[in-house]
């Protein structure tokens, strides 16, 4: 069971990373007439567990066009997601 849930956590985290990279890449492409234009909303929502506390508590805004900022936000959110899945697995396995 432990090996299966570890693989499940890794799989879900990998899917999150792939989806987050697609959202960030898609937000950097030029938009064609979407109304209203909301640049940076997709990357903000996909990295919400990291972006929101940084902006609210520390007054630090992540630049969604910066590769370094997005790498930090996506990796931190994926680590948080993996930890949450493992915690839930331990909670429900008892």
PDB file of N, CA and C in Angstrom:
ATOM      1  N   UNK A   1       0.815  -1.199   0.000  1.00  0.00           N
ATOM      2  CA  UNK A   1       0.000   0.000   0.000  1.00  0.00           C
ATOM      3  C   UNK A   1       0.859   1.263   0.000  1.00  0.00           C
ATOM      4  N   UNK A   2       1.937   1.258   0.756  1.00  0.00           N
ATOM      5  CA  UNK A   2       2.783   2.438   0.831  1.00  0.00           C
ATOM      6  C   UNK A   2       3.409   2.760  -0.524  1.00  0.00           C
ATOM      7  N   UNK A   3       3.877   1.716  -1.225  1.00  0.00           N
ATOM      8  CA  UNK A   3       4.469   1.937  -2.538  1.00  0.00           C
ATOM      9  C   UNK A   3       3.435   2.481  -3.520  1.00  0.00           C
ATOM     10  N   UNK A   4       2.209   1.957  -3.457  1.00  0.00           N
ATOM     11  CA  UNK A   4       1.152   2.427  -4.349  1.00  0.00           C
ATOM     12  C   UNK A   4       0.803   3.883  -4.081  1.00  0.00           C
ATOM     13  N   UNK A   5       0.651   4.263  -2.824  1.00  0.00           N
ATOM     14  CA  UNK A   5       0.264   5.641  -2.527  1.00  0.00           C
ATOM     15  C   UNK A   5       1.400   6.606  -2.817  1.00  0.00           C
ATOM     16  N   UNK A   6       2.642   6.155  -2.639  1.00  0.00           N
ATOM     17  CA  UNK A   6       3.752   7.012  -2.997  1.00  0.00           C
ATOM     18  C   UNK A   6       3.747   7.265  -4.500  1.00  0.00           C
ATOM     19  N   UNK A   7       3.480   6.234  -5.263  1.00  0.00           N
ATOM     20  CA  UNK A   7       3.405   6.403  -6.719  1.00  0.00           C
ATOM     21  C   UNK A   7       2.218   7.272  -7.094  1.00  0.00           C
ATOM     22  N   UNK A   8       1.114   7.120  -6.382  1.00  0.00           N
ATOM     23  CA  UNK A   8      -0.053   7.945  -6.656  1.00  0.00           C
ATOM     24  C   UNK A   8       0.249   9.416  -6.369  1.00  0.00           C
ATOM     25  N   UNK A   9       0.923   9.682  -5.260  1.00  0.00           N
ATOM     26  CA  UNK A   9       1.286  11.058  -4.923  1.00  0.00           C
ATOM     27  C   UNK A   9       2.233  11.636  -5.972  1.00  0.00           C
ATOM     28  N   UNK A  10       3.189  10.838  -6.404  1.00  0.00           N
ATOM     29  CA  UNK A  10       4.120  11.308  -7.434  1.00  0.00           C
ATOM     30  C   UNK A  10       3.398  11.552  -8.759  1.00  0.00           C
ATOM     31  N   UNK A  11       2.468  10.677  -9.096  1.00  0.00           N
ATOM     32  CA  UNK A  11       1.719  10.836 -10.347  1.00  0.00           C
ATOM     33  C   UNK A  11       0.870  12.105 -10.316  1.00  0.00           C
ATOM     34  N   UNK A  12       0.139  12.328  -9.229  1.00  0.00           N
ATOM     35  CA  UNK A  12      -0.696  13.530  -9.131  1.00  0.00           C
ATOM     36  C   UNK A  12       0.144  14.797  -9.112  1.00  0.00           C
ATOM     37  N   UNK A  13       1.285  14.749  -8.448  1.00  0.00           N
ATOM     38  CA  UNK A  13       2.171  15.912  -8.432  1.00  0.00           C
ATOM     39  C   UNK A  13       2.748  16.160  -9.824  1.00  0.00           C
ATOM     40  N   UNK A  14       3.100  15.100 -10.519  1.00  0.00           N
ATOM     41  CA  UNK A  14       3.602  15.251 -11.885  1.00  0.00           C
ATOM     42  C   UNK A  14       2.551  15.827 -12.818  1.00  0.00           C
ATOM     43  N   UNK A  15       1.304  15.377 -12.664  1.00  0.00           N
ATOM     44  CA  UNK A  15       0.220  15.943 -13.471  1.00  0.00           C
ATOM     45  C   UNK A  15       0.003  17.416 -13.158  1.00  0.00           C
ATOM     46  N   UNK A  16       0.109  17.782 -11.878  1.00  0.00           N
ATOM     47  CA  UNK A  16      -0.013  19.187 -11.503  1.00  0.00           C
ATOM     48  C   UNK A  16       1.087  20.012 -12.160  1.00  0.00           C
ATOM     49  N   UNK A  17       2.322  19.531 -12.116  1.00  0.00           N
ATOM     50  CA  UNK A  17       3.435  20.279 -12.699  1.00  0.00           C
ATOM     51  C   UNK A  17       3.230  20.458 -14.198  1.00  0.00           C
ATOM     52  N   UNK A  18       2.812  19.394 -14.883  1.00  0.00           N
ATOM     53  CA  UNK A  18       2.567  19.500 -16.328  1.00  0.00           C
ATOM     54  C   UNK A  18       1.456  20.500 -16.627  1.00  0.00           C
ATOM     55  N   UNK A  19       0.369  20.452 -15.857  1.00  0.00           N
ATOM     56  CA  UNK A  19      -0.739  21.385 -16.071  1.00  0.00           C
ATOM     57  C   UNK A  19      -0.315  22.820 -15.750  1.00  0.00           C
ATOM     58  N   UNK A  20       0.447  23.000 -14.686  1.00  0.00           N
ATOM     59  CA  UNK A  20       0.900  24.348 -14.310  1.00  0.00           C
ATOM     60  C   UNK A  20       1.823  24.929 -15.380  1.00  0.00           C
ATOM     61  N   UNK A  21       2.714  24.117 -15.915  1.00  0.00           N
ATOM     62  CA  UNK A  21       3.593  24.609 -16.979  1.00  0.00           C
ATOM     63  C   UNK A  21       2.793  24.979 -18.220  1.00  0.00           C
ATOM     64  N   UNK A  22       1.761  24.192 -18.530  1.00  0.00           N
ATOM     65  CA  UNK A  22       0.921  24.515 -19.682  1.00  0.00           C
ATOM     66  C   UNK A  22       0.181  25.841 -19.452  1.00  0.00           C
ATOM     67  N   UNK A  23      -0.335  26.063 -18.241  1.00  0.00           N
ATOM     68  CA  UNK A  23      -1.054  27.307 -17.938  1.00  0.00           C
ATOM     69  C   UNK A  23      -0.122  28.506 -18.050  1.00  0.00           C
ATOM     70  N   UNK A  24       1.082  28.395 -17.514  1.00  0.00           N
ATOM     71  CA  UNK A  24       2.039  29.502 -17.582  1.00  0.00           C
ATOM     72  C   UNK A  24       2.440  29.770 -19.026  1.00  0.00           C
ATOM     73  N   UNK A  25       2.695  28.708 -19.790  1.00  0.00           N
ATOM     74  CA  UNK A  25       3.058  28.892 -21.199  1.00  0.00           C
ATOM     75  C   UNK A  25       1.906  29.527 -21.979  1.00  0.00           C
ATOM     76  N   UNK A  26       0.690  29.057 -21.722  1.00  0.00           N
ATOM     77  CA  UNK A  26      -0.468  29.585 -22.424  1.00  0.00           C
ATOM     78  C   UNK A  26      -0.719  31.055 -22.087  1.00  0.00           C
ATOM     79  N   UNK A  27      -0.436  31.444 -20.857  1.00  0.00           N
ATOM     80  CA  UNK A  27      -0.667  32.843 -20.473  1.00  0.00           C
ATOM     81  C   UNK A  27       0.354  33.784 -21.098  1.00  0.00           C
ATOM     82  N   UNK A  28       1.479  33.258 -21.532  1.00  0.00           N
ATOM     83  CA  UNK A  28       2.514  34.097 -22.156  1.00  0.00           C
ATOM     84  C   UNK A  28       2.295  34.277 -23.649  1.00  0.00           C
ATOM     85  N   UNK A  29       1.423  33.481 -24.229  1.00  0.00           N
ATOM     86  CA  UNK A  29       1.119  33.639 -25.646  1.00  0.00           C
ATOM     87  C   UNK A  29       0.246  34.877 -25.845  1.00  0.00           C
ATOM     88  N   UNK A  30       0.375  35.541 -26.982  1.00  0.00           N
ATOM     89  CA  UNK A  30      -0.478  36.711 -27.208  1.00  0.00           C
ATOM     90  C   UNK A  30      -1.945  36.308 -27.307  1.00  0.00           C
ATOM     91  N   UNK A  31      -2.795  37.054 -26.627  1.00  0.00           N
ATOM     92  CA  UNK A  31      -4.217  36.734 -26.638  1.00  0.00           C
ATOM     93  C   UNK A  31      -4.877  37.343 -27.864  1.00  0.00           C
ATOM     94  N   UNK A  32      -5.978  36.733 -28.274  1.00  0.00           N
ATOM     95  CA  UNK A  32      -6.667  37.207 -29.469  1.00  0.00           C
ATOM     96  C   UNK A  32      -8.106  37.540 -29.133  1.00  0.00           C
ATOM     97  N   UNK A  33      -8.323  38.688 -28.549  1.00  0.00           N
ATOM     98  CA  UNK A  33      -9.660  39.204 -28.372  1.00  0.00           C
ATOM     99  C   UNK A  33     -10.449  38.666 -27.207  1.00  0.00           C
ATOM    100  N   UNK A  34      -9.825  38.101 -26.235  1.00  0.00           N
ATOM    101  CA  UNK A  34     -10.575  37.643 -25.065  1.00  0.00           C
ATOM    102  C   UNK A  34     -11.029  38.857 -24.260  1.00  0.00           C
ATOM    103  N   UNK A  35     -12.283  38.836 -23.841  1.00  0.00           N
ATOM    104  CA  UNK A  35     -12.774  39.957 -23.055  1.00  0.00           C
ATOM    105  C   UNK A  35     -13.272  39.464 -21.730  1.00  0.00           C
ATOM    106  N   UNK A  36     -12.923  40.026 -20.645  1.00  0.00           N
ATOM    107  CA  UNK A  36     -11.880  41.036 -20.469  1.00  0.00           C
ATOM    108  C   UNK A  36     -10.508  40.372 -20.412  1.00  0.00           C
ATOM    109  N   UNK A  37      -9.498  41.048 -20.876  1.00  0.00           N
ATOM    110  CA  UNK A  37      -8.155  40.457 -20.804  1.00  0.00           C
ATOM    111  C   UNK A  37      -7.663  40.457 -19.355  1.00  0.00           C
ATOM    112  N   UNK A  38      -7.286  39.312 -18.874  1.00  0.00           N
ATOM    113  CA  UNK A  38      -6.818  39.170 -17.494  1.00  0.00           C
ATOM    114  C   UNK A  38      -5.429  38.538 -17.495  1.00  0.00           C
ATOM    115  N   UNK A  39      -4.407  39.317 -17.829  1.00  0.00           N
ATOM    116  CA  UNK A  39      -3.062  38.729 -17.882  1.00  0.00           C
ATOM    117  C   UNK A  39      -2.578  38.339 -16.489  1.00  0.00           C
ATOM    118  N   UNK A  40      -2.008  37.177 -16.380  1.00  0.00           N
ATOM    119  CA  UNK A  40      -1.456  36.712 -15.119  1.00  0.00           C
ATOM    120  C   UNK A  40      -2.447  36.027 -14.200  1.00  0.00           C
ATOM    121  N   UNK A  41      -3.714  35.959 -14.574  1.00  0.00           N
ATOM    122  CA  UNK A  41      -4.705  35.329 -13.706  1.00  0.00           C
ATOM    123  C   UNK A  41      -4.518  33.815 -13.634  1.00  0.00           C
ATOM    124  N   UNK A  42      -4.231  33.187 -14.765  1.00  0.00           N
ATOM    125  CA  UNK A  42      -4.008  31.744 -14.783  1.00  0.00           C
ATOM    126  C   UNK A  42      -2.835  31.322 -13.914  1.00  0.00           C
ATOM    127  N   UNK A  43      -1.658  31.925 -14.100  1.00  0.00           N
ATOM    128  CA  UNK A  43      -0.531  31.564 -13.232  1.00  0.00           C
ATOM    129  C   UNK A  43      -0.786  31.880 -11.759  1.00  0.00           C
ATOM    130  N   UNK A  44      -1.520  32.957 -11.473  1.00  0.00           N
ATOM    131  CA  UNK A  44      -1.824  33.272 -10.076  1.00  0.00           C
ATOM    132  C   UNK A  44      -2.704  32.194  -9.467  1.00  0.00           C
ATOM    133  N   UNK A  45      -3.713  31.742 -10.206  1.00  0.00           N
ATOM    134  CA  UNK A  45      -4.620  30.725  -9.678  1.00  0.00           C
ATOM    135  C   UNK A  45      -3.952  29.362  -9.547  1.00  0.00           C
ATOM    136  N   UNK A  46      -3.069  29.023 -10.488  1.00  0.00           N
ATOM    137  CA  UNK A  46      -2.424  27.712 -10.446  1.00  0.00           C
ATOM    138  C   UNK A  46      -1.390  27.644  -9.321  1.00  0.00           C
ATOM    139  N   UNK A  47      -0.870  28.795  -8.897  1.00  0.00           N
ATOM    140  CA  UNK A  47       0.097  28.836  -7.790  1.00  0.00           C
ATOM    141  C   UNK A  47      -0.498  29.547  -6.580  1.00  0.00           C
ATOM    142  N   UNK A  48      -1.813  29.498  -6.431  1.00  0.00           N
ATOM    143  CA  UNK A  48      -2.506  30.225  -5.373  1.00  0.00           C
ATOM    144  C   UNK A  48      -1.999  29.943  -3.960  1.00  0.00           C
ATOM    145  N   UNK A  49      -1.707  28.674  -3.594  1.00  0.00           N
ATOM    146  CA  UNK A  49      -1.245  28.432  -2.219  1.00  0.00           C
ATOM    147  C   UNK A  49       0.063  29.130  -1.874  1.00  0.00           C
ATOM    148  N   UNK A  50       0.836  29.517  -2.863  1.00  0.00           N
ATOM    149  CA  UNK A  50       2.094  30.229  -2.613  1.00  0.00           C
ATOM    150  C   UNK A  50       1.934  31.719  -2.906  1.00  0.00           C
ATOM    151  N   UNK A  51       1.264  32.055  -4.007  1.00  0.00           N
ATOM    152  CA  UNK A  51       1.126  33.454  -4.415  1.00  0.00           C
ATOM    153  C   UNK A  51       0.300  34.280  -3.436  1.00  0.00           C
ATOM    154  N   UNK A  52      -0.807  33.738  -2.981  1.00  0.00           N
ATOM    155  CA  UNK A  52      -1.704  34.502  -2.105  1.00  0.00           C
ATOM    156  C   UNK A  52      -1.057  34.855  -0.764  1.00  0.00           C
ATOM    157  N   UNK A  53      -0.433  33.916  -0.047  1.00  0.00           N
ATOM    158  CA  UNK A  53       0.206  34.314   1.212  1.00  0.00           C
ATOM    159  C   UNK A  53       1.368  35.278   1.021  1.00  0.00           C
ATOM    160  N   UNK A  54       2.119  35.100  -0.076  1.00  0.00           N
ATOM    161  CA  UNK A  54       3.223  36.034  -0.315  1.00  0.00           C
ATOM    162  C   UNK A  54       2.712  37.451  -0.525  1.00  0.00           C
ATOM    163  N   UNK A  55       1.619  37.590  -1.270  1.00  0.00           N
ATOM    164  CA  UNK A  55       1.075  38.915  -1.526  1.00  0.00           C
ATOM    165  C   UNK A  55       0.372  39.486  -0.304  1.00  0.00           C
ATOM    166  N   UNK A  56      -0.356  38.663   0.420  1.00  0.00           N
ATOM    167  CA  UNK A  56      -1.139  39.164   1.551  1.00  0.00           C
ATOM    168  C   UNK A  56      -0.278  39.457   2.777  1.00  0.00           C
ATOM    169  N   UNK A  57       0.622  38.553   3.101  1.00  0.00           N
ATOM    170  CA  UNK A  57       1.384  38.693   4.337  1.00  0.00           C
ATOM    171  C   UNK A  57       2.694  39.450   4.168  1.00  0.00           C
ATOM    172  N   UNK A  58       3.411  39.162   3.109  1.00  0.00           N
ATOM    173  CA  UNK A  58       4.744  39.748   2.934  1.00  0.00           C
ATOM    174  C   UNK A  58       4.796  40.875   1.918  1.00  0.00           C
ATOM    175  N   UNK A  59       3.674  41.129   1.251  1.00  0.00           N
ATOM    176  CA  UNK A  59       3.585  42.165   0.213  1.00  0.00           C
ATOM    177  C   UNK A  59       4.598  41.951  -0.921  1.00  0.00           C
ATOM    178  N   UNK A  60       4.810  40.682  -1.248  1.00  0.00           N
ATOM    179  CA  UNK A  60       5.703  40.328  -2.350  1.00  0.00           C
ATOM    180  C   UNK A  60       4.847  39.813  -3.495  1.00  0.00           C
ATOM    181  N   UNK A  61       4.933  40.465  -4.640  1.00  0.00           N
ATOM    182  CA  UNK A  61       4.185  40.011  -5.816  1.00  0.00           C
ATOM    183  C   UNK A  61       5.106  39.224  -6.717  1.00  0.00           C
ATOM    184  N   UNK A  62       4.668  38.031  -7.085  1.00  0.00           N
ATOM    185  CA  UNK A  62       5.439  37.224  -8.019  1.00  0.00           C
ATOM    186  C   UNK A  62       5.236  37.757  -9.428  1.00  0.00           C
ATOM    187  N   UNK A  63       6.324  37.868 -10.166  1.00  0.00           N
ATOM    188  CA  UNK A  63       6.242  38.276 -11.563  1.00  0.00           C
ATOM    189  C   UNK A  63       5.959  37.028 -12.387  1.00  0.00           C
ATOM    190  N   UNK A  64       4.774  36.956 -12.967  1.00  0.00           N
ATOM    191  CA  UNK A  64       4.365  35.758 -13.687  1.00  0.00           C
ATOM    192  C   UNK A  64       5.050  35.639 -15.042  1.00  0.00           C
ATOM    193  N   UNK A  65       5.798  36.652 -15.439  1.00  0.00           N
ATOM    194  CA  UNK A  65       6.577  36.566 -16.677  1.00  0.00           C
ATOM    195  C   UNK A  65       8.016  36.125 -16.414  1.00  0.00           C
ATOM    196  N   UNK A  66       8.398  36.040 -15.149  1.00  0.00           N
ATOM    197  CA  UNK A  66       9.757  35.634 -14.781  1.00  0.00           C
ATOM    198  C   UNK A  66       9.822  34.115 -14.627  1.00  0.00           C
ATOM    199  N   UNK A  67      10.759  33.503 -15.329  1.00  0.00           N
ATOM    200  CA  UNK A  67      10.911  32.051 -15.225  1.00  0.00           C
ATOM    201  C   UNK A  67      11.334  31.637 -13.823  1.00  0.00           C
ATOM    202  N   UNK A  68      12.178  32.419 -13.176  1.00  0.00           N
ATOM    203  CA  UNK A  68      12.648  32.093 -11.832  1.00  0.00           C
ATOM    204  C   UNK A  68      11.499  32.138 -10.820  1.00  0.00           C
ATOM    205  N   UNK A  69      10.668  33.165 -10.902  1.00  0.00           N
ATOM    206  CA  UNK A  69       9.531  33.272  -9.985  1.00  0.00           C
ATOM    207  C   UNK A  69       8.537  32.139 -10.195  1.00  0.00           C
ATOM    208  N   UNK A  70       8.275  31.811 -11.442  1.00  0.00           N
ATOM    209  CA  UNK A  70       7.335  30.730 -11.723  1.00  0.00           C
ATOM    210  C   UNK A  70       7.907  29.378 -11.321  1.00  0.00           C
ATOM    211  N   UNK A  71       9.212  29.180 -11.511  1.00  0.00           N
ATOM    212  CA  UNK A  71       9.825  27.921 -11.074  1.00  0.00           C
ATOM    213  C   UNK A  71       9.715  27.782  -9.563  1.00  0.00           C
ATOM    214  N   UNK A  72       9.944  28.865  -8.834  1.00  0.00           N
ATOM    215  CA  UNK A  72       9.811  28.831  -7.376  1.00  0.00           C
ATOM    216  C   UNK A  72       8.365  28.531  -6.973  1.00  0.00           C
ATOM    217  N   UNK A  73       7.413  29.215  -7.583  1.00  0.00           N
ATOM    218  CA  UNK A  73       6.008  29.047  -7.198  1.00  0.00           C
ATOM    219  C   UNK A  73       5.490  27.663  -7.547  1.00  0.00           C
ATOM    220  N   UNK A  74       5.811  27.157  -8.723  1.00  0.00           N
ATOM    221  CA  UNK A  74       5.319  25.839  -9.132  1.00  0.00           C
ATOM    222  C   UNK A  74       5.977  24.740  -8.310  1.00  0.00           C
ATOM    223  N   UNK A  75       7.277  24.849  -8.065  1.00  0.00           N
ATOM    224  CA  UNK A  75       7.939  23.807  -7.271  1.00  0.00           C
ATOM    225  C   UNK A  75       7.469  23.834  -5.820  1.00  0.00           C
ATOM    226  N   UNK A  76       7.257  25.007  -5.266  1.00  0.00           N
ATOM    227  CA  UNK A  76       6.756  25.091  -3.886  1.00  0.00           C
ATOM    228  C   UNK A  76       5.335  24.552  -3.778  1.00  0.00           C
ATOM    229  N   UNK A  77       4.495  24.878  -4.747  1.00  0.00           N
ATOM    230  CA  UNK A  77       3.121  24.380  -4.729  1.00  0.00           C
ATOM    231  C   UNK A  77       3.082  22.871  -4.943  1.00  0.00           C
ATOM    232  N   UNK A  78       3.946  22.361  -5.803  1.00  0.00           N
ATOM    233  CA  UNK A  78       3.967  20.913  -6.012  1.00  0.00           C
ATOM    234  C   UNK A  78       4.487  20.178  -4.775  1.00  0.00           C
ATOM    235  N   UNK A  79       5.451  20.757  -4.076  1.00  0.00           N
ATOM    236  CA  UNK A  79       5.924  20.154  -2.827  1.00  0.00           C
ATOM    237  C   UNK A  79       4.816  20.162  -1.776  1.00  0.00           C
ATOM    238  N   UNK A  80       4.068  21.254  -1.728  1.00  0.00           N
ATOM    239  CA  UNK A  80       2.931  21.338  -0.812  1.00  0.00           C
ATOM    240  C   UNK A  80       1.863  20.301  -1.170  1.00  0.00           C
ATOM    241  N   UNK A  81       1.583  20.134  -2.447  1.00  0.00           N
ATOM    242  CA  UNK A  81       0.602  19.149  -2.901  1.00  0.00           C
ATOM    243  C   UNK A  81       1.047  17.733  -2.567  1.00  0.00           C
ATOM    244  N   UNK A  82       2.315  17.417  -2.824  1.00  0.00           N
ATOM    245  CA  UNK A  82       2.832  16.087  -2.506  1.00  0.00           C
ATOM    246  C   UNK A  82       2.733  15.815  -1.007  1.00  0.00           C
ATOM    247  N   UNK A  83       3.107  16.794  -0.190  1.00  0.00           N
ATOM    248  CA  UNK A  83       3.035  16.623   1.268  1.00  0.00           C
ATOM    249  C   UNK A  83       1.602  16.420   1.736  1.00  0.00           C
ATOM    250  N   UNK A  84       0.672  17.153   1.139  1.00  0.00           N
ATOM    251  CA  UNK A  84      -0.733  17.007   1.505  1.00  0.00           C
ATOM    252  C   UNK A  84      -1.268  15.623   1.138  1.00  0.00           C
ATOM    253  N   UNK A  85      -0.905  15.121  -0.021  1.00  0.00           N
ATOM    254  CA  UNK A  85      -1.355  13.785  -0.433  1.00  0.00           C
ATOM    255  C   UNK A  85      -0.782  12.720   0.492  1.00  0.00           C
ATOM    256  N   UNK A  86       0.497  12.828   0.838  1.00  0.00           N
ATOM    257  CA  UNK A  86       1.107  11.858   1.748  1.00  0.00           C
ATOM    258  C   UNK A  86       0.481  11.937   3.143  1.00  0.00           C
ATOM    259  N   UNK A  87       0.169  13.134   3.602  1.00  0.00           N
ATOM    260  CA  UNK A  87      -0.470  13.300   4.902  1.00  0.00           C
ATOM    261  C   UNK A  87      -1.859  12.665   4.913  1.00  0.00           C
ATOM    262  N   UNK A  88      -2.609  12.872   3.846  1.00  0.00           N
ATOM    263  CA  UNK A  88      -3.934  12.253   3.744  1.00  0.00           C
ATOM    264  C   UNK A  88      -3.824  10.735   3.695  1.00  0.00           C
ATOM    265  N   UNK A  89      -2.825  10.233   3.010  1.00  0.00           N
ATOM    266  CA  UNK A  89      -2.625   8.783   2.941  1.00  0.00           C
ATOM    267  C   UNK A  89      -2.341   8.219   4.331  1.00  0.00           C
ATOM    268  N   UNK A  90      -1.497   8.877   5.080  1.00  0.00           N
ATOM    269  CA  UNK A  90      -1.194   8.401   6.431  1.00  0.00           C
ATOM    270  C   UNK A  90      -2.413   8.491   7.344  1.00  0.00           C
ATOM    271  N   UNK A  91      -3.201   9.540   7.177  1.00  0.00           N
ATOM    272  CA  UNK A  91      -4.384   9.725   8.003  1.00  0.00           C
ATOM    273  C   UNK A  91      -5.421   8.634   7.735  1.00  0.00           C
ATOM    274  N   UNK A  92      -5.666   8.319   6.473  1.00  0.00           N
ATOM    275  CA  UNK A  92      -6.690   7.346   6.124  1.00  0.00           C
ATOM    276  C   UNK A  92      -6.210   5.899   6.204  1.00  0.00           C
ATOM    277  N   UNK A  93      -4.909   5.666   6.290  1.00  0.00           N
ATOM    278  CA  UNK A  93      -4.439   4.294   6.374  1.00  0.00           C
ATOM    279  C   UNK A  93      -4.486   3.748   7.800  1.00  0.00           C
ATOM    280  N   UNK A  94      -4.711   4.587   8.769  1.00  0.00           N
ATOM    281  CA  UNK A  94      -4.758   4.131  10.167  1.00  0.00           C
ATOM    282  C   UNK A  94      -6.127   3.709  10.558  1.00  0.00           C
TER     283      UNK A  94
END
